Amino acid sequence: MQTAPSTRSGRLFVAAAALIAAIWLAGCAHPGHVAPSPVASASERKPRSRPPRRVEKEEALAQALTAYEEARAEAYARFAAGLVHDIHDEEKQALENFEKSVEADPSQEGLALDVARRHLAQKEPERAIAFLREAMKRSRSGILPAFMASIHVSLGQTNEAIVANQEAIKRSPTLLIGYHNLANLYSQKGQADEAMKVLEQASQISNPSPQYLVELAELWLGFPQSKPERTALTRKRAGELLDRILKLKNLPTPLLQRAADGYMLLGQNAKAIDLYLKLVEQYPQVTPIRERLADLFLQSRDSKRAIEQMELLVKEEPSRYPQAYVILGSLALQDGKYKDAEDYLRKAVVLAPKYESAHYDLAIAQVNGGRVRQGLDTLEDARARFGETFQTEFFAGIAYARLKEYSNAVARLTTAEIIARAKETNRLTHLFYFQLGSSLERNKNLEEAEKAFRKVLEMKPDFSEAMNYLGYMWVENGMKLQEARGLIEKAVKIEPKNGAFLDSMAWVMFKLGKPKEALVWMKKAMEYSTDPDPTLWDHLGDIQSAAGDAAQAAVSWKKALGLEPNPEIQKKLDGTAPKKGGP
C-alpha cells in the first residue's frame, strides 16, 4: 500500500506534482495554441446553415482534440504520480505509472526508454522488449527499435537484433545508431560484405546534417577490416565524407575539431593542420589542439613549427608538459644547439625525474656542448636512480673518450657490452663496436681494437669509416701494410672525395716506400679537405722530404705548426730529428 510522505519535503513534492498536473489540465481544457472549437464558438455567432458533411468533420475534429487533450492530461498525471512514487523508492508503482504515461502519450520517447531501462535493471529484459514493441506501435521513431536491438544482442538474439536495427533505419534514416549496430552485427557474424553494404547505405542519405557526416566518417574509420582492399575503401569513404563537411559553412567548433581528428587518423596531415590552425586562432588557450599540431608538425618533419607549438604549450602550462621539454631538447640536439637542449632537458628531468631517457639526452647535450664533466655527473645521477644500464655505461664511455681518459672509456664500454649481451643484444651494433675499437686503439690495446673493428666489418661490410680506421691504425704502427692498403683502397672507392681516406691512402703508400705515389694521393687529400688539418700538413711534409724536396717539406711543416704547436714537427723543421721515410 502506498503511504503518504512522512517528511515535509515529501509533502511539498506531492503538492508540487499535483499543482503542476492541475495547471497542465487547466491548460489542456483551453489550449492557447489551439483555435477555438467550432462547437464552442457557434453560440456566439448568428446561426447559419452548414453542409452536413462539414458539420460531421468539425464534430470529429472537436472529438479528436478532446481525446488528445484527455490523453495528454492522463499522461502527465501518470507521470507526476510516477515521480512521487519514485522519490519514495516505490519502484513498482513508479514503473506502472510511467508505463501508463507512455501508453497515453506515445511521443514520450525518453520516458519509454527509461521504462525499458528500469525493466532491464530489474533483470526483466523480456518485459522491456514487450513494452518497447507495444510503444513502437504508437510511435514512428527509430530510437525505440534501436534500443530494443541492443537488448536482443545482450540476450544473444542476433537475428532479432538485425531485424530491429533494420526497422530503426527504416523509421529514422538519419539515425546512425541503427547503421552502426547493424554493421557491427554483420561484422561479428563474419559477413563483412553485408556490413559494408550497411555503411554504403548510410553514406547515400540526402542532405545529411554536418553532425551526421562527422559521425559517419568516424564510423567508417573505426570499422574493423581484415583485408587491405576493404581498409582502403573505408579510408576512402571516410575521406570523402570529411571533404563534404569542409564544403559546409559555419561549422560548429566541436564538429570542426572532430573533422580535424578524422583527417589526422587518415594521415592527411595537411588538411588536419589547416583545421587545427583555424581552431587555435579562435581558441588559443585550448592546449590539446596545440598538442595535436605539434605532433603533426613533427610527423611532417617541420621542426620549426613543431617547436613554435611546443614552446607555446610550455609557456601556457610550464609544469604540465615534461614530454614537450624532452622533444624540444631532442630537436635542439639535432640542430646542434646544445645549450638550448641542456636547458630544455634539465626542466624535463626536474618535472619528470622518472623519465629515464631524458637523463641520457641531457648527458649527451652536456657532453656535446663541451660540459663533459657535467655530463658524467648527470649519468652518475641516472645510475643512482635507475641502476647500471647500457646507456649509463655507453654514454659514460663516450664522455671519457672525449676527455682522453681512454682506460676509463674502455672500462665503461666493456661494461655496457656485458649488460647488452645479457639483456639487450640489439644494442650491440656496428656503431657500438666502432666506438669500442677506437677507444681500445687510443688506449694502445691494438690487438683488442683489431678484434672490435673486424666485428664492425662483419656486421656492416661496407662501413668505410671502419675500413679506414683499421687500415690507418695498422699503417701508423707499421703492421699488416698490404692488408691495410686493401682496406683503405676499399674505403676510398666508396668515398673517393673523403679527405681523411685519401690521406690514409697517401700514408700507406709512404710507409710502403713509394713517396711519389704517396704525393699524388696527398695532394688529392689536401684538395678535398674542407678544414685546415695540421696532421695533413705534417704528412705532406714527411712525404715531400722522402721525395727529396726538403724546401717544400719545410713549408708544409711550418703550416702544420701554425695550426697546432707540436714539438716533434718542430724537431723535423729544425733538422734535429732523424729523417723519417718509408721502410
Protein backbone atom coordinates (compact mmCIF):
# COMPACT_ATOMS: atom_id res chain seq x y z
CA MET A 1 0.00 0.00 0.00
CA GLN A 2 1.23 3.48 -0.85
CA THR A 3 1.97 5.60 2.21
CA ALA A 4 1.74 9.37 2.46
CA PRO A 5 5.05 11.25 2.53
CA SER A 6 6.38 11.31 6.08
CA THR A 7 8.61 14.36 5.68
CA ARG A 8 7.97 17.98 4.88
CA SER A 9 10.00 17.72 1.63
CA GLY A 10 7.94 14.69 0.60
CA ARG A 11 4.66 16.56 1.20
CA LEU A 12 5.96 19.54 -0.75
CA PHE A 13 6.92 17.28 -3.64
CA VAL A 14 3.46 15.67 -3.76
CA ALA A 15 1.79 19.07 -3.60
CA ALA A 16 4.02 20.42 -6.36
CA ALA A 17 3.33 17.43 -8.59
CA ALA A 18 -0.41 17.78 -8.05
CA LEU A 19 -0.29 21.52 -8.73
CA ILE A 20 1.68 21.02 -11.96
CA ALA A 21 -0.78 18.38 -13.11
CA ALA A 22 -3.73 20.69 -12.28
CA ILE A 23 -2.19 23.61 -14.18
CA TRP A 24 -1.48 21.37 -17.14
CA LEU A 25 -5.02 20.03 -17.09
CA ALA A 26 -6.39 23.56 -16.99
CA GLY A 27 -4.22 24.48 -19.94
CA CYS A 28 -5.38 21.43 -21.85
CA ALA A 29 -9.02 22.47 -21.39
CA HIS A 30 -8.37 25.72 -23.26
CA PRO A 31 -5.03 25.46 -25.03
CA GLY A 32 -3.82 28.85 -26.13
CA HIS A 33 -2.22 27.47 -29.25
CA VAL A 34 -5.42 25.74 -30.49
CA ALA A 35 -8.09 27.67 -32.37
CA PRO A 36 -11.43 27.94 -30.53
CA SER A 37 -13.59 24.92 -31.04
CA PRO A 38 -16.16 25.45 -33.78
CA VAL A 39 -18.80 23.96 -31.48
CA ALA A 40 -17.99 26.42 -28.69
CA SER A 41 -17.90 29.45 -30.95
CA ALA A 42 -21.13 28.66 -32.70
CA SER A 43 -23.25 30.11 -29.86
CA GLU A 44 -21.52 33.44 -30.22
CA ARG A 45 -22.39 33.84 -33.88
CA LYS A 46 -25.65 34.11 -35.73
CA PRO A 47 -26.95 30.73 -36.76
CA ARG A 48 -26.29 29.85 -40.33
CA SER A 49 -26.76 26.74 -42.27
CA ARG A 50 -23.75 24.49 -42.83
CA PRO A 51 -23.40 21.49 -45.06
CA PRO A 52 -23.98 18.27 -43.11
CA ARG A 53 -20.62 16.87 -44.20
CA ARG A 54 -18.78 19.90 -42.83
CA VAL A 55 -20.62 19.58 -39.53
CA GLU A 56 -19.50 15.98 -39.27
CA LYS A 57 -15.88 16.96 -39.90
CA GLU A 58 -15.99 19.72 -37.31
CA GLU A 59 -17.52 17.41 -34.74
CA ALA A 60 -14.89 14.74 -35.50
CA LEU A 61 -12.13 17.32 -35.12
CA ALA A 62 -13.56 18.52 -31.83
CA GLN A 63 -13.77 14.95 -30.56
CA ALA A 64 -10.19 14.29 -31.68
CA LEU A 65 -8.95 17.40 -29.91
CA THR A 66 -10.83 16.43 -26.79
CA ALA A 67 -9.38 12.91 -26.90
CA TYR A 68 -5.90 14.30 -27.48
CA GLU A 69 -6.24 16.72 -24.57
CA GLU A 70 -7.56 13.99 -22.31
CA ALA A 71 -4.71 11.66 -23.30
CA ARG A 72 -2.13 14.36 -22.64
CA ALA A 73 -3.71 15.11 -19.29
CA GLU A 74 -3.72 11.42 -18.41
CA ALA A 75 -0.09 11.11 -19.50
CA TYR A 76 1.03 14.00 -17.36
CA ALA A 77 -0.97 12.91 -14.34
CA ARG A 78 0.53 9.41 -14.58
CA PHE A 79 4.00 10.90 -14.98
CA ALA A 80 3.53 13.12 -11.91
CA ALA A 81 2.29 10.16 -9.89
CA GLY A 82 5.24 8.11 -11.06
CA LEU A 83 7.63 10.82 -9.88
CA VAL A 84 6.01 10.81 -6.45
CA HIS A 85 6.40 7.05 -6.14
CA ASP A 86 9.93 7.23 -7.47
CA ILE A 87 11.00 9.78 -4.87
CA HIS A 88 9.83 7.37 -2.20
CA ASP A 89 11.67 4.42 -3.78
CA GLU A 90 8.39 2.73 -4.63
CA GLU A 91 9.79 1.27 -7.84
CA LYS A 92 6.89 -0.97 -8.80
CA GLN A 93 4.23 1.75 -8.52
CA ALA A 94 6.52 4.26 -10.25
CA LEU A 95 7.10 1.88 -13.14
CA GLU A 96 3.38 1.17 -13.53
CA ASN A 97 2.55 4.87 -13.72
CA PHE A 98 5.38 5.62 -16.17
CA GLU A 99 4.15 2.80 -18.41
CA LYS A 100 0.60 4.21 -18.31
CA SER A 101 2.01 7.66 -19.13
CA VAL A 102 3.71 6.33 -22.28
CA GLU A 103 0.56 4.45 -23.27
CA ALA A 104 -1.40 7.69 -23.01
CA ASP A 105 1.19 9.75 -24.91
CA PRO A 106 3.46 7.65 -27.19
CA SER A 107 5.53 10.71 -28.17
CA GLN A 108 7.45 10.44 -24.88
CA GLU A 109 10.39 8.50 -26.32
CA GLY A 110 12.70 9.43 -23.48
CA LEU A 111 10.26 8.10 -20.91
CA ALA A 112 9.70 4.94 -22.96
CA LEU A 113 13.45 4.29 -22.97
CA ASP A 114 13.59 4.94 -19.23
CA VAL A 115 10.82 2.40 -18.62
CA ALA A 116 12.72 -0.18 -20.67
CA ARG A 117 15.90 0.54 -18.72
CA ARG A 118 14.05 0.08 -15.44
CA HIS A 119 12.88 -3.35 -16.58
CA LEU A 120 16.46 -4.20 -17.50
CA ALA A 121 17.67 -3.03 -14.09
CA GLN A 122 15.16 -5.42 -12.55
CA LYS A 123 16.52 -8.20 -14.81
CA GLU A 124 13.35 -8.27 -16.89
CA PRO A 125 14.69 -7.99 -20.48
CA GLU A 126 11.71 -9.80 -21.99
CA ARG A 127 9.30 -7.34 -20.37
CA ALA A 128 11.46 -4.47 -21.65
CA ILE A 129 11.22 -5.88 -25.18
CA ALA A 130 7.47 -6.40 -24.89
CA PHE A 131 6.96 -2.85 -23.62
CA LEU A 132 9.09 -1.37 -26.43
CA ARG A 133 7.26 -3.43 -29.03
CA GLU A 134 3.92 -2.02 -27.82
CA ALA A 135 5.33 1.51 -27.70
CA MET A 136 6.60 1.12 -31.28
CA LYS A 137 3.03 0.50 -32.46
CA ARG A 138 2.14 4.05 -31.46
CA SER A 139 5.45 5.78 -32.37
CA ARG A 140 7.35 6.08 -35.66
CA SER A 141 10.70 6.89 -34.08
CA GLY A 142 13.72 4.70 -34.82
CA ILE A 143 15.16 5.18 -31.35
CA LEU A 144 12.88 2.59 -29.75
CA PRO A 145 13.71 -0.31 -32.13
CA ALA A 146 17.41 0.62 -31.96
CA PHE A 147 17.31 0.28 -28.19
CA MET A 148 15.31 -2.93 -28.45
CA ALA A 149 18.02 -4.28 -30.78
CA SER A 150 20.64 -3.72 -28.10
CA ILE A 151 18.56 -5.79 -25.67
CA HIS A 152 18.32 -8.61 -28.22
CA VAL A 153 22.11 -8.51 -28.59
CA SER A 154 22.57 -8.83 -24.83
CA LEU A 155 20.34 -11.92 -24.93
CA GLY A 156 22.29 -13.42 -27.82
CA GLN A 157 19.34 -12.99 -30.17
CA THR A 158 21.34 -11.83 -33.19
CA ASN A 159 18.69 -12.33 -35.86
CA GLU A 160 16.09 -10.43 -33.83
CA ALA A 161 18.63 -7.66 -33.28
CA ILE A 162 19.25 -7.42 -37.03
CA VAL A 163 15.52 -7.08 -37.70
CA ALA A 164 15.16 -4.41 -35.00
CA ASN A 165 18.07 -2.38 -36.38
CA GLN A 166 16.66 -2.62 -39.89
CA GLU A 167 13.38 -1.27 -38.52
CA ALA A 168 15.27 1.57 -36.80
CA ILE A 169 16.91 2.53 -40.11
CA LYS A 170 13.57 2.33 -41.93
CA ARG A 171 11.88 4.61 -39.41
CA SER A 172 14.76 7.07 -38.95
CA PRO A 173 17.17 7.01 -41.94
CA THR A 174 19.39 9.70 -40.39
CA LEU A 175 19.72 7.90 -37.06
CA LEU A 176 23.25 6.50 -37.22
CA ILE A 177 22.95 4.14 -34.28
CA GLY A 178 20.88 1.77 -36.42
CA TYR A 179 23.54 1.58 -39.14
CA HIS A 180 26.30 1.31 -36.57
CA ASN A 181 24.74 -1.56 -34.67
CA LEU A 182 23.63 -3.40 -37.81
CA ALA A 183 27.09 -3.17 -39.40
CA ASN A 184 28.68 -4.44 -36.19
CA LEU A 185 26.29 -7.39 -36.06
CA TYR A 186 27.13 -8.42 -39.62
CA SER A 187 30.82 -7.99 -38.90
CA GLN A 188 30.61 -10.19 -35.81
CA LYS A 189 28.87 -12.85 -37.89
CA GLY A 190 31.74 -12.75 -40.39
CA GLN A 191 29.56 -11.12 -43.04
CA ALA A 192 31.91 -8.25 -43.88
CA ASP A 193 30.32 -7.60 -47.27
CA GLU A 194 26.90 -7.13 -45.68
CA ALA A 195 28.41 -4.80 -43.10
CA MET A 196 29.98 -2.71 -45.85
CA LYS A 197 26.61 -2.50 -47.63
CA VAL A 198 25.07 -1.04 -44.48
CA LEU A 199 27.74 1.66 -44.30
CA GLU A 200 27.34 2.39 -48.01
CA GLN A 201 23.58 2.76 -47.44
CA ALA A 202 24.25 5.23 -44.64
CA SER A 203 26.54 7.21 -46.97
CA GLN A 204 23.77 7.69 -49.56
CA ILE A 205 21.48 9.78 -47.33
CA SER A 206 20.43 13.05 -48.99
CA ASN A 207 21.11 16.39 -47.30
CA PRO A 208 22.58 14.98 -44.09
CA SER A 209 23.47 17.24 -41.21
CA PRO A 210 27.13 18.11 -40.53
CA GLN A 211 27.00 16.03 -37.35
CA TYR A 212 25.71 13.03 -39.30
CA LEU A 213 28.61 13.33 -41.76
CA VAL A 214 31.20 13.59 -38.99
CA GLU A 215 29.80 10.65 -37.07
CA LEU A 216 29.53 8.52 -40.21
CA ALA A 217 33.14 9.34 -41.13
CA GLU A 218 34.17 8.24 -37.64
CA LEU A 219 32.13 5.06 -38.11
CA TRP A 220 33.99 4.27 -41.34
CA LEU A 221 37.33 5.00 -39.69
CA GLY A 222 36.61 2.79 -36.71
CA PHE A 223 35.22 -0.13 -38.67
CA PRO A 224 37.47 -3.21 -38.31
CA GLN A 225 38.86 -4.60 -41.56
CA SER A 226 40.97 -7.65 -42.26
CA LYS A 227 41.60 -7.22 -45.98
CA PRO A 228 43.77 -4.42 -47.41
CA GLU A 229 41.25 -3.61 -50.15
CA ARG A 230 38.49 -3.12 -47.58
CA THR A 231 40.78 -0.95 -45.45
CA ALA A 232 41.49 1.21 -48.48
CA LEU A 233 37.76 1.57 -49.16
CA THR A 234 36.89 2.52 -45.58
CA ARG A 235 39.62 5.17 -45.56
CA LYS A 236 38.45 6.48 -48.93
CA ARG A 237 34.82 6.75 -47.78
CA ALA A 238 35.83 8.47 -44.55
CA GLY A 239 37.90 10.98 -46.50
CA GLU A 240 35.03 11.67 -48.90
CA LEU A 241 32.67 12.36 -46.00
CA LEU A 242 35.15 14.68 -44.30
CA ASP A 243 35.66 16.53 -47.58
CA ARG A 244 31.89 17.05 -47.80
CA ILE A 245 31.98 18.57 -44.33
CA LEU A 246 34.64 21.10 -45.35
CA LYS A 247 32.32 22.44 -48.06
CA LEU A 248 29.74 23.42 -45.44
CA LYS A 249 29.76 26.88 -43.88
CA ASN A 250 29.64 27.92 -40.23
CA LEU A 251 30.54 24.52 -38.83
CA PRO A 252 30.27 24.34 -35.03
CA THR A 253 33.66 24.19 -33.36
CA PRO A 254 33.24 20.67 -31.91
CA LEU A 255 32.48 19.28 -35.38
CA LEU A 256 35.42 21.17 -36.88
CA GLN A 257 37.72 19.57 -34.32
CA ARG A 258 36.29 16.10 -34.94
CA ALA A 259 36.82 16.59 -38.68
CA ALA A 260 40.44 17.57 -38.00
CA ASP A 261 40.85 14.50 -35.79
CA GLY A 262 39.48 12.37 -38.62
CA TYR A 263 41.97 13.75 -41.12
CA MET A 264 44.76 13.12 -38.64
CA LEU A 265 43.69 9.47 -38.31
CA LEU A 266 43.65 9.20 -42.10
CA GLY A 267 47.18 10.56 -42.27
CA GLN A 268 46.02 13.56 -44.30
CA ASN A 269 48.19 15.84 -42.20
CA ALA A 270 47.95 18.95 -44.36
CA LYS A 271 44.14 19.11 -44.06
CA ALA A 272 44.26 18.32 -40.36
CA ILE A 273 46.85 21.05 -39.79
CA ASP A 274 44.75 23.64 -41.64
CA LEU A 275 41.73 22.90 -39.45
CA TYR A 276 43.70 22.83 -36.21
CA LEU A 277 45.34 26.17 -37.08
CA LYS A 278 41.88 27.70 -37.54
CA LEU A 279 40.85 26.30 -34.18
CA VAL A 280 43.86 27.65 -32.28
CA GLU A 281 43.27 31.06 -33.83
CA GLN A 282 39.79 31.04 -32.29
CA TYR A 283 40.77 29.31 -29.05
CA PRO A 284 44.49 29.93 -28.37
CA GLN A 285 44.20 28.59 -24.82
CA VAL A 286 42.99 25.11 -25.84
CA THR A 287 46.22 23.20 -25.31
CA PRO A 288 45.08 19.76 -26.61
CA ILE A 289 44.79 21.26 -30.09
CA ARG A 290 48.34 22.59 -29.85
CA GLU A 291 49.47 19.12 -28.77
CA ARG A 292 47.99 17.64 -31.94
CA LEU A 293 49.51 20.39 -34.07
CA ALA A 294 52.95 19.83 -32.58
CA ASP A 295 52.63 16.10 -33.22
CA LEU A 296 51.55 16.65 -36.83
CA PHE A 297 54.40 19.07 -37.50
CA LEU A 298 56.83 16.51 -36.10
CA GLN A 299 55.36 13.82 -38.37
CA SER A 300 55.69 16.23 -41.30
CA ARG A 301 59.34 16.92 -40.35
CA ASP A 302 58.51 20.59 -39.88
CA SER A 303 60.58 21.01 -36.74
CA LYS A 304 60.40 24.81 -36.82
CA ARG A 305 56.61 24.94 -36.49
CA ALA A 306 56.63 21.98 -34.08
CA ILE A 307 58.95 23.96 -31.83
CA GLU A 308 56.65 27.00 -32.05
CA GLN A 309 53.65 24.98 -30.85
CA MET A 310 55.53 23.23 -28.06
CA GLU A 311 57.04 26.46 -26.80
CA LEU A 312 53.53 27.92 -26.61
CA LEU A 313 52.42 24.80 -24.72
CA VAL A 314 55.12 25.05 -22.09
CA LYS A 315 54.63 28.80 -21.85
CA GLU A 316 50.92 28.32 -21.16
CA GLU A 317 51.37 25.47 -18.67
CA PRO A 318 55.06 25.12 -17.77
CA SER A 319 54.68 22.14 -15.47
CA ARG A 320 52.17 20.10 -17.46
CA TYR A 321 54.25 19.07 -20.45
CA PRO A 322 57.55 17.42 -19.50
CA GLN A 323 57.33 15.45 -22.74
CA ALA A 324 57.36 18.74 -24.67
CA TYR A 325 60.62 19.69 -22.99
CA VAL A 326 62.06 16.31 -23.98
CA ILE A 327 61.07 16.79 -27.62
CA LEU A 328 62.31 20.38 -27.65
CA GLY A 329 65.60 19.15 -26.22
CA SER A 330 65.88 16.41 -28.83
CA LEU A 331 65.20 18.85 -31.67
CA ALA A 332 67.78 21.26 -30.30
CA LEU A 333 70.27 18.37 -30.14
CA GLN A 334 69.61 17.58 -33.80
CA ASP A 335 70.27 21.21 -34.71
CA GLY A 336 73.49 21.28 -32.68
CA LYS A 337 72.04 23.80 -30.21
CA TYR A 338 73.50 22.07 -27.18
CA LYS A 339 72.95 24.88 -24.68
CA ASP A 340 69.25 25.13 -25.59
CA ALA A 341 68.99 21.34 -25.47
CA GLU A 342 70.52 21.27 -22.00
CA ASP A 343 68.11 23.94 -20.74
CA TYR A 344 65.05 22.10 -22.05
CA LEU A 345 66.16 18.68 -20.84
CA ARG A 346 67.09 19.93 -17.40
CA LYS A 347 63.49 21.12 -16.99
CA ALA A 348 62.26 17.75 -18.24
CA VAL A 349 64.19 15.78 -15.61
CA VAL A 350 63.02 18.15 -12.87
CA LEU A 351 59.35 17.81 -13.88
CA ALA A 352 59.55 14.09 -14.63
CA PRO A 353 62.53 12.62 -12.77
CA LYS A 354 61.37 9.08 -13.61
CA TYR A 355 61.65 9.77 -17.34
CA GLU A 356 64.82 7.77 -17.89
CA SER A 357 65.66 8.73 -21.47
CA ALA A 358 65.57 12.44 -20.59
CA HIS A 359 68.56 11.93 -18.28
CA TYR A 360 70.56 10.33 -21.08
CA ASP A 361 69.64 13.04 -23.58
CA LEU A 362 70.65 15.68 -21.04
CA ALA A 363 74.04 14.00 -20.62
CA ILE A 364 74.53 13.88 -24.41
CA ALA A 365 73.70 17.60 -24.68
CA GLN A 366 76.21 18.41 -21.96
CA VAL A 367 78.97 16.25 -23.45
CA ASN A 368 78.46 17.55 -26.98
CA GLY A 369 78.27 21.10 -25.64
CA GLY A 370 81.71 20.77 -24.06
CA ARG A 371 80.45 20.29 -20.49
CA VAL A 372 81.77 16.75 -20.32
CA ARG A 373 82.23 16.55 -16.55
CA GLN A 374 78.67 17.78 -16.01
CA GLY A 375 77.50 15.12 -18.45
CA LEU A 376 79.28 12.46 -16.41
CA ASP A 377 77.62 13.83 -13.26
CA THR A 378 74.22 13.51 -14.95
CA LEU A 379 74.99 9.91 -15.89
CA GLU A 380 76.03 9.11 -12.33
CA ASP A 381 72.72 10.56 -11.10
CA ALA A 382 70.91 8.36 -13.61
CA ARG A 383 72.91 5.34 -12.49
CA ALA A 384 71.94 6.01 -8.86
CA ARG A 385 68.27 6.37 -9.84
CA PHE A 386 67.86 3.62 -12.46
CA GLY A 387 70.79 1.32 -11.75
CA GLU A 388 73.64 0.41 -14.06
CA THR A 389 72.24 0.32 -17.59
CA PHE A 390 73.66 0.05 -21.07
CA GLN A 391 73.02 3.76 -21.57
CA THR A 392 74.76 4.92 -18.39
CA GLU A 393 77.87 2.93 -19.32
CA PHE A 394 77.89 3.58 -23.07
CA PHE A 395 77.45 7.34 -22.79
CA ALA A 396 79.98 7.48 -19.95
CA GLY A 397 82.44 5.65 -22.22
CA ILE A 398 81.93 8.29 -24.90
CA ALA A 399 82.36 11.08 -22.34
CA TYR A 400 85.65 9.63 -21.03
CA ALA A 401 86.89 9.28 -24.60
CA ARG A 402 86.19 13.00 -25.10
CA LEU A 403 88.30 13.67 -22.02
CA LYS A 404 91.02 11.39 -23.48
CA GLU A 405 90.73 9.16 -20.41
CA TYR A 406 90.81 6.09 -22.59
CA SER A 407 91.26 3.47 -19.88
CA ASN A 408 88.04 4.69 -18.22
CA ALA A 409 86.36 4.81 -21.62
CA VAL A 410 87.30 1.19 -22.36
CA ALA A 411 86.16 0.07 -18.91
CA ARG A 412 82.71 1.66 -19.22
CA LEU A 413 82.19 0.48 -22.81
CA THR A 414 83.16 -3.04 -21.81
CA THR A 415 80.58 -2.93 -19.00
CA ALA A 416 77.98 -1.70 -21.50
CA GLU A 417 78.78 -4.68 -23.74
CA ILE A 418 78.36 -7.13 -20.85
CA ILE A 419 74.97 -5.62 -19.91
CA ALA A 420 73.77 -5.71 -23.51
CA ARG A 421 74.84 -9.32 -24.01
CA ALA A 422 72.70 -10.31 -21.02
CA LYS A 423 69.62 -8.17 -21.74
CA GLU A 424 69.64 -6.17 -24.97
CA THR A 425 71.81 -7.71 -27.66
CA ASN A 426 70.18 -5.46 -30.28
CA ARG A 427 72.17 -2.56 -28.83
CA LEU A 428 75.46 -4.17 -29.87
CA THR A 429 75.50 -2.56 -33.30
CA HIS A 430 78.41 -1.86 -35.64
CA LEU A 431 78.48 1.69 -34.26
CA PHE A 432 78.94 0.40 -30.72
CA TYR A 433 81.90 -1.76 -31.72
CA PHE A 434 83.37 1.12 -33.72
CA GLN A 435 83.31 3.28 -30.59
CA LEU A 436 84.84 0.44 -28.56
CA GLY A 437 87.51 -0.19 -31.19
CA SER A 438 88.56 3.47 -31.38
CA SER A 439 88.82 3.69 -27.57
CA LEU A 440 90.88 0.48 -27.45
CA GLU A 441 93.19 1.84 -30.15
CA ARG A 442 93.67 5.10 -28.25
CA ASN A 443 94.39 3.05 -25.14
CA LYS A 444 97.16 1.23 -27.10
CA ASN A 445 95.34 -2.10 -26.94
CA LEU A 446 95.80 -2.77 -30.64
CA GLU A 447 95.01 -6.47 -30.62
CA GLU A 448 91.60 -5.95 -28.98
CA ALA A 449 90.98 -2.90 -31.17
CA GLU A 450 91.56 -5.03 -34.26
CA LYS A 451 89.00 -7.58 -33.00
CA ALA A 452 86.46 -4.83 -32.45
CA PHE A 453 86.96 -3.36 -35.94
CA ARG A 454 86.77 -6.78 -37.57
CA LYS A 455 83.49 -7.27 -35.68
CA VAL A 456 82.27 -3.99 -37.17
CA LEU A 457 83.09 -5.13 -40.70
CA GLU A 458 81.42 -8.49 -40.12
CA MET A 459 78.24 -6.68 -39.15
CA LYS A 460 78.47 -4.00 -41.85
CA PRO A 461 80.95 -4.93 -44.60
CA ASP A 462 80.58 -1.61 -46.44
CA PHE A 463 81.28 0.60 -43.41
CA SER A 464 84.05 2.68 -44.95
CA GLU A 465 84.85 4.54 -41.72
CA ALA A 466 85.86 1.27 -40.05
CA MET A 467 87.92 0.20 -43.08
CA ASN A 468 89.86 3.44 -42.96
CA TYR A 469 90.31 3.42 -39.17
CA LEU A 470 91.63 -0.14 -39.01
CA GLY A 471 93.87 0.37 -42.05
CA TYR A 472 95.29 3.61 -40.70
CA MET A 473 95.87 2.02 -37.28
CA TRP A 474 97.98 -0.68 -38.89
CA VAL A 475 99.88 1.86 -41.01
CA GLU A 476 100.68 4.08 -38.03
CA ASN A 477 102.06 1.09 -36.17
CA GLY A 478 103.86 -0.47 -39.16
CA MET A 479 101.59 -3.52 -39.14
CA LYS A 480 99.96 -5.53 -41.95
CA LEU A 481 100.65 -2.83 -44.53
CA GLN A 482 99.38 -4.77 -47.53
CA GLU A 483 96.10 -5.65 -45.80
CA ALA A 484 95.88 -2.06 -44.62
CA ARG A 485 96.30 -0.85 -48.20
CA GLY A 486 93.50 -3.12 -49.37
CA LEU A 487 91.10 -1.84 -46.70
CA ILE A 488 91.92 1.80 -47.37
CA GLU A 489 91.52 1.32 -51.12
CA LYS A 490 88.01 -0.07 -50.49
CA ALA A 491 87.18 2.92 -48.30
CA VAL A 492 88.40 5.36 -50.96
CA LYS A 493 86.39 3.55 -53.62
CA ILE A 494 83.23 4.07 -51.52
CA GLU A 495 84.07 7.73 -50.74
CA PRO A 496 86.52 8.98 -53.39
CA LYS A 497 86.37 12.59 -52.17
CA ASN A 498 86.88 11.92 -48.45
CA GLY A 499 89.98 13.87 -47.43
CA ALA A 500 90.73 11.65 -44.43
CA PHE A 501 90.56 8.47 -46.52
CA LEU A 502 92.81 9.99 -49.21
CA ASP A 503 95.31 10.97 -46.50
CA SER A 504 95.32 7.34 -45.27
CA MET A 505 95.95 6.18 -48.83
CA ALA A 506 98.89 8.57 -49.15
CA TRP A 507 100.23 7.48 -45.79
CA VAL A 508 100.15 3.75 -46.55
CA MET A 509 101.96 4.37 -49.86
CA PHE A 510 104.53 6.42 -47.97
CA LYS A 511 105.01 3.61 -45.46
CA LEU A 512 105.38 1.14 -48.34
CA GLY A 513 108.31 3.25 -49.60
CA LYS A 514 106.50 4.86 -52.52
CA PRO A 515 106.73 8.61 -51.80
CA LYS A 516 105.95 9.74 -55.37
CA GLU A 517 102.70 7.76 -55.45
CA ALA A 518 102.01 8.95 -51.92
CA LEU A 519 102.44 12.56 -53.03
CA VAL A 520 99.72 12.17 -55.68
CA TRP A 521 97.27 10.85 -53.08
CA MET A 522 98.32 13.52 -50.59
CA LYS A 523 97.57 16.36 -52.99
CA LYS A 524 94.09 14.89 -53.53
CA ALA A 525 93.65 14.73 -49.76
CA MET A 526 94.54 18.41 -49.45
CA GLU A 527 92.15 19.27 -52.29
CA TYR A 528 89.13 17.58 -50.69
CA SER A 529 89.80 18.51 -47.06
CA THR A 530 87.40 21.27 -46.07
CA ASP A 531 89.12 22.38 -42.84
CA PRO A 532 92.83 23.09 -42.25
CA ASP A 533 94.33 20.00 -40.59
CA PRO A 534 97.83 20.01 -39.02
CA THR A 535 98.11 16.23 -39.49
CA LEU A 536 97.67 16.55 -43.25
CA TRP A 537 100.37 19.23 -43.49
CA ASP A 538 102.69 17.13 -41.34
CA HIS A 539 102.13 14.09 -43.58
CA LEU A 540 102.66 16.20 -46.69
CA GLY A 541 105.95 17.49 -45.28
CA ASP A 542 107.16 13.94 -44.50
CA ILE A 543 106.23 12.71 -47.99
CA GLN A 544 107.90 15.73 -49.65
CA SER A 545 111.01 15.16 -47.56
CA ALA A 546 111.11 11.47 -48.55
CA ALA A 547 110.69 12.51 -52.20
CA GLY A 548 113.78 14.77 -51.86
CA ASP A 549 112.00 18.14 -51.74
CA ALA A 550 113.34 19.49 -48.43
CA ALA A 551 112.32 23.08 -49.13
CA GLN A 552 108.65 22.24 -49.73
CA ALA A 553 108.73 19.89 -46.75
CA ALA A 554 109.83 22.78 -44.54
CA VAL A 555 106.97 24.93 -45.85
CA SER A 556 104.45 22.19 -45.08
CA TRP A 557 105.79 21.61 -41.55
CA LYS A 558 105.61 25.34 -40.83
CA LYS A 559 101.95 25.36 -41.86
CA ALA A 560 101.31 22.41 -39.55
CA LEU A 561 102.94 24.26 -36.65
CA GLY A 562 100.91 27.36 -37.45
CA LEU A 563 97.75 25.36 -36.94
CA GLU A 564 98.87 23.49 -33.82
CA PRO A 565 102.19 23.58 -31.89
CA ASN A 566 103.93 20.19 -31.95
CA PRO A 567 107.48 19.59 -30.65
CA GLU A 568 108.01 16.58 -32.92
CA ILE A 569 107.24 18.61 -36.03
CA GLN A 570 109.46 21.40 -34.72
CA LYS A 571 112.35 18.94 -34.42
CA LYS A 572 111.89 17.92 -38.05
CA LEU A 573 111.83 21.52 -39.11
CA ASP A 574 114.98 22.24 -37.13
CA GLY A 575 116.67 19.24 -38.69
CA THR A 576 117.37 17.74 -35.29
CA ALA A 577 115.22 14.65 -35.79
CA PRO A 578 116.28 11.64 -37.85
CA LYS A 579 114.88 11.74 -41.39
CA LYS A 580 111.53 9.98 -41.47
CA GLY A 581 110.85 7.80 -44.52
CA GLY A 582 109.21 4.63 -45.63
CA PRO A 583 110.63 1.26 -44.66
